[in-house]
Each structure stands twice: as C-alpha cells, then as structure tokens.
Amino acid sequence: MKIVVCIGSSCHIKGSRQVVEKLQRLIAEKNLGDKIELGGTFCMGQCQKGVCVTVDEEFCSVTPDTVEEFFETKVLAAL
C-alpha cells in the first residue's frame, strides 16, 4: 500500500507535517513498515480540501485531528 501526503504550501499550513508524523507513528506502532510505503508530494490540485492524501491513488482529505480515524477506516481496513 502506498500513502502519499501533500506537503505543498497550502497543505503545510493546514497541518501536513503533523499528519505525516502521526502516520509515521501509527505505522511504526502497528509494525506495518513492510506493508505501507509513506511518501510526500507537492500540490495535488485540491488545496481547498485540506491536507490532501492518497491511499493507492484514492484521494482523501485529512487533518491532524482526523489522522487516527483515517488510518483505521482507510488504511487498516484495506490491508
């Protein structure tokens, strides 16, 4: 599984760094480093939708406050 987080300026202002850090922690806690590739990219062209994240190319909008829910519903559910 590949998770890509936008680190462009708009998403950075909305908390992309915190989203990345929380995802790194959750992946490590669940020992999923061998199953999940976490990466970053610049603008995905949907700046108004918050921190832009794709999971195997499916677009999601995430905030630092919704990372855990996103991880459970979109990531763990798909593994």
N, C-alpha and C. Protein backbone atom coordinates (compact mmCIF):
# COMPACT_ATOMS: atom_id res chain seq x y z
N MET A 1 0.85 -1.17 0.00
CA MET A 1 0.00 0.00 0.00
C MET A 1 0.90 1.23 0.00
N LYS A 2 0.47 2.23 -0.78
CA LYS A 2 1.24 3.47 -0.84
C LYS A 2 0.36 4.63 -0.39
N ILE A 3 0.84 5.36 0.62
CA ILE A 3 0.16 6.56 1.12
C ILE A 3 1.04 7.75 0.76
N VAL A 4 0.43 8.74 0.10
CA VAL A 4 1.16 9.94 -0.29
C VAL A 4 0.46 11.14 0.33
N VAL A 5 1.24 11.97 1.01
CA VAL A 5 0.72 13.17 1.68
C VAL A 5 1.26 14.40 0.96
N CYS A 6 0.36 15.34 0.66
CA CYS A 6 0.79 16.59 0.04
C CYS A 6 1.55 17.42 1.07
N ILE A 7 2.70 17.92 0.66
CA ILE A 7 3.49 18.79 1.54
C ILE A 7 3.66 20.17 0.92
N GLY A 8 2.78 20.49 -0.03
CA GLY A 8 2.78 21.81 -0.65
C GLY A 8 2.40 22.87 0.37
N SER A 9 2.55 24.13 -0.01
CA SER A 9 2.37 25.22 0.95
C SER A 9 0.98 25.27 1.58
N SER A 10 -0.08 25.08 0.80
CA SER A 10 -1.44 25.14 1.37
C SER A 10 -1.66 24.01 2.36
N CYS A 11 -1.28 22.81 2.01
CA CYS A 11 -1.46 21.67 2.92
C CYS A 11 -0.51 21.78 4.11
N HIS A 12 0.67 22.33 3.90
CA HIS A 12 1.60 22.52 5.01
C HIS A 12 0.97 23.43 6.07
N ILE A 13 0.34 24.51 5.62
CA ILE A 13 -0.31 25.44 6.55
C ILE A 13 -1.45 24.74 7.30
N LYS A 14 -2.10 23.78 6.64
CA LYS A 14 -3.24 23.08 7.25
C LYS A 14 -2.82 21.88 8.10
N GLY A 15 -1.51 21.61 8.19
CA GLY A 15 -1.04 20.58 9.12
C GLY A 15 -0.45 19.33 8.50
N SER A 16 0.03 19.40 7.27
CA SER A 16 0.55 18.18 6.65
C SER A 16 1.73 17.58 7.41
N ARG A 17 2.55 18.42 8.03
CA ARG A 17 3.68 17.87 8.80
C ARG A 17 3.19 17.01 9.95
N GLN A 18 2.17 17.50 10.67
CA GLN A 18 1.61 16.73 11.78
C GLN A 18 0.95 15.45 11.27
N VAL A 19 0.30 15.52 10.11
CA VAL A 19 -0.32 14.33 9.52
C VAL A 19 0.76 13.29 9.23
N VAL A 20 1.85 13.71 8.61
CA VAL A 20 2.95 12.78 8.30
C VAL A 20 3.52 12.17 9.57
N GLU A 21 3.76 13.00 10.58
CA GLU A 21 4.35 12.50 11.83
C GLU A 21 3.42 11.49 12.51
N LYS A 22 2.13 11.77 12.52
CA LYS A 22 1.18 10.84 13.14
C LYS A 22 1.09 9.55 12.34
N LEU A 23 1.11 9.65 11.01
CA LEU A 23 1.09 8.42 10.19
C LEU A 23 2.34 7.59 10.43
N GLN A 24 3.49 8.24 10.51
CA GLN A 24 4.74 7.51 10.79
C GLN A 24 4.63 6.76 12.12
N ARG A 25 4.08 7.44 13.13
CA ARG A 25 3.94 6.82 14.46
C ARG A 25 2.98 5.63 14.40
N LEU A 26 1.83 5.81 13.74
CA LEU A 26 0.83 4.74 13.66
C LEU A 26 1.37 3.53 12.89
N ILE A 27 2.08 3.79 11.80
CA ILE A 27 2.67 2.70 11.02
C ILE A 27 3.68 1.94 11.87
N ALA A 28 4.50 2.65 12.63
CA ALA A 28 5.50 2.01 13.49
C ALA A 28 4.84 1.23 14.62
N GLU A 29 3.82 1.82 15.26
CA GLU A 29 3.13 1.15 16.36
C GLU A 29 2.50 -0.17 15.93
N LYS A 30 2.00 -0.21 14.71
CA LYS A 30 1.34 -1.42 14.20
C LYS A 30 2.30 -2.34 13.45
N ASN A 31 3.59 -1.98 13.44
CA ASN A 31 4.61 -2.77 12.73
C ASN A 31 4.23 -3.03 11.28
N LEU A 32 3.81 -1.95 10.58
CA LEU A 32 3.37 -2.08 9.20
C LEU A 32 4.35 -1.47 8.20
N GLY A 33 5.56 -1.22 8.64
CA GLY A 33 6.56 -0.62 7.76
C GLY A 33 6.85 -1.43 6.52
N ASP A 34 6.66 -2.73 6.59
CA ASP A 34 6.90 -3.59 5.43
C ASP A 34 5.69 -3.65 4.49
N LYS A 35 4.55 -3.15 4.93
CA LYS A 35 3.33 -3.20 4.11
C LYS A 35 2.88 -1.84 3.60
N ILE A 36 3.38 -0.77 4.21
CA ILE A 36 2.94 0.58 3.84
C ILE A 36 4.15 1.42 3.47
N GLU A 37 4.07 2.03 2.30
CA GLU A 37 5.08 2.99 1.86
C GLU A 37 4.48 4.38 2.04
N LEU A 38 5.12 5.22 2.84
CA LEU A 38 4.65 6.57 3.10
C LEU A 38 5.54 7.54 2.35
N GLY A 39 4.91 8.40 1.54
CA GLY A 39 5.68 9.35 0.75
C GLY A 39 5.04 10.72 0.77
N GLY A 40 5.73 11.67 0.17
CA GLY A 40 5.23 13.03 0.08
C GLY A 40 5.26 13.50 -1.35
N THR A 41 4.45 14.50 -1.64
CA THR A 41 4.42 15.11 -2.96
C THR A 41 4.01 16.56 -2.80
N PHE A 42 4.21 17.32 -3.86
CA PHE A 42 3.73 18.70 -3.84
C PHE A 42 2.34 18.73 -4.42
N CYS A 43 1.79 19.86 -4.60
CA CYS A 43 0.38 20.11 -4.87
C CYS A 43 -0.34 19.03 -5.69
N MET A 44 -1.48 18.58 -5.14
CA MET A 44 -2.35 17.62 -5.80
C MET A 44 -3.51 18.32 -6.51
N GLY A 45 -3.53 19.65 -6.44
CA GLY A 45 -4.53 20.43 -7.13
C GLY A 45 -5.89 20.52 -6.45
N GLN A 46 -5.96 20.11 -5.19
CA GLN A 46 -7.22 20.18 -4.45
C GLN A 46 -7.00 20.89 -3.11
N CYS A 47 -6.32 22.02 -3.18
CA CYS A 47 -5.88 22.73 -1.98
C CYS A 47 -7.02 23.08 -1.02
N GLN A 48 -8.19 23.35 -1.54
CA GLN A 48 -9.31 23.76 -0.70
C GLN A 48 -9.83 22.63 0.17
N LYS A 49 -9.41 21.40 -0.09
CA LYS A 49 -9.95 20.25 0.64
C LYS A 49 -9.11 19.84 1.84
N GLY A 50 -8.21 20.67 2.28
CA GLY A 50 -7.44 20.33 3.47
C GLY A 50 -6.15 19.63 3.12
N VAL A 51 -5.60 18.89 4.05
CA VAL A 51 -4.38 18.13 3.76
C VAL A 51 -4.77 16.99 2.82
N CYS A 52 -4.22 17.04 1.63
CA CYS A 52 -4.55 16.05 0.61
C CYS A 52 -3.69 14.80 0.79
N VAL A 53 -4.35 13.65 0.80
CA VAL A 53 -3.67 12.37 0.98
C VAL A 53 -4.25 11.39 -0.02
N THR A 54 -3.40 10.55 -0.60
CA THR A 54 -3.92 9.46 -1.41
C THR A 54 -3.49 8.14 -0.80
N VAL A 55 -4.39 7.16 -0.89
CA VAL A 55 -4.12 5.80 -0.46
C VAL A 55 -4.28 4.95 -1.72
N ASP A 56 -3.17 4.44 -2.23
CA ASP A 56 -3.19 3.72 -3.51
C ASP A 56 -3.98 4.52 -4.55
N GLU A 57 -3.68 5.80 -4.62
CA GLU A 57 -4.24 6.75 -5.59
C GLU A 57 -5.69 7.16 -5.34
N GLU A 58 -6.31 6.72 -4.24
CA GLU A 58 -7.65 7.18 -3.88
C GLU A 58 -7.49 8.43 -3.02
N PHE A 59 -8.12 9.53 -3.45
CA PHE A 59 -7.98 10.81 -2.75
C PHE A 59 -8.75 10.83 -1.44
N CYS A 60 -8.12 11.41 -0.41
CA CYS A 60 -8.75 11.60 0.89
C CYS A 60 -8.34 12.98 1.40
N SER A 61 -9.19 13.56 2.22
CA SER A 61 -8.86 14.81 2.90
C SER A 61 -8.69 14.49 4.37
N VAL A 62 -7.55 14.87 4.94
CA VAL A 62 -7.21 14.51 6.31
C VAL A 62 -6.77 15.78 7.05
N THR A 63 -7.01 15.82 8.34
CA THR A 63 -6.49 16.89 9.18
C THR A 63 -5.69 16.23 10.30
N PRO A 64 -4.87 17.00 11.01
CA PRO A 64 -4.16 16.41 12.15
C PRO A 64 -5.12 15.77 13.16
N ASP A 65 -6.33 16.28 13.27
CA ASP A 65 -7.30 15.73 14.23
C ASP A 65 -8.00 14.47 13.74
N THR A 66 -7.95 14.19 12.44
CA THR A 66 -8.67 13.03 11.90
C THR A 66 -7.73 11.91 11.43
N VAL A 67 -6.45 12.03 11.71
CA VAL A 67 -5.48 11.04 11.23
C VAL A 67 -5.80 9.63 11.74
N GLU A 68 -6.08 9.51 13.05
CA GLU A 68 -6.33 8.18 13.61
C GLU A 68 -7.54 7.52 12.96
N GLU A 69 -8.63 8.28 12.81
CA GLU A 69 -9.83 7.74 12.16
C GLU A 69 -9.54 7.35 10.71
N PHE A 70 -8.83 8.22 9.99
CA PHE A 70 -8.43 7.93 8.62
C PHE A 70 -7.61 6.64 8.56
N PHE A 71 -6.66 6.50 9.48
CA PHE A 71 -5.78 5.32 9.48
C PHE A 71 -6.59 4.04 9.68
N GLU A 72 -7.54 4.08 10.59
CA GLU A 72 -8.36 2.89 10.86
C GLU A 72 -9.31 2.57 9.71
N THR A 73 -9.99 3.60 9.18
CA THR A 73 -11.04 3.34 8.18
C THR A 73 -10.50 3.15 6.77
N LYS A 74 -9.43 3.85 6.42
CA LYS A 74 -8.93 3.78 5.05
C LYS A 74 -7.70 2.88 4.90
N VAL A 75 -6.87 2.85 5.92
CA VAL A 75 -5.61 2.11 5.81
C VAL A 75 -5.75 0.70 6.37
N LEU A 76 -6.04 0.59 7.66
CA LEU A 76 -6.13 -0.75 8.27
C LEU A 76 -7.23 -1.59 7.61
N ALA A 77 -8.35 -0.95 7.28
CA ALA A 77 -9.46 -1.69 6.67
C ALA A 77 -9.08 -2.25 5.31
N ALA A 78 -8.12 -1.63 4.63
CA ALA A 78 -7.76 -2.07 3.30
C ALA A 78 -6.61 -3.10 3.29
N LEU A 79 -5.98 -3.29 4.43
CA LEU A 79 -4.85 -4.25 4.48
C LEU A 79 -5.34 -5.69 4.63
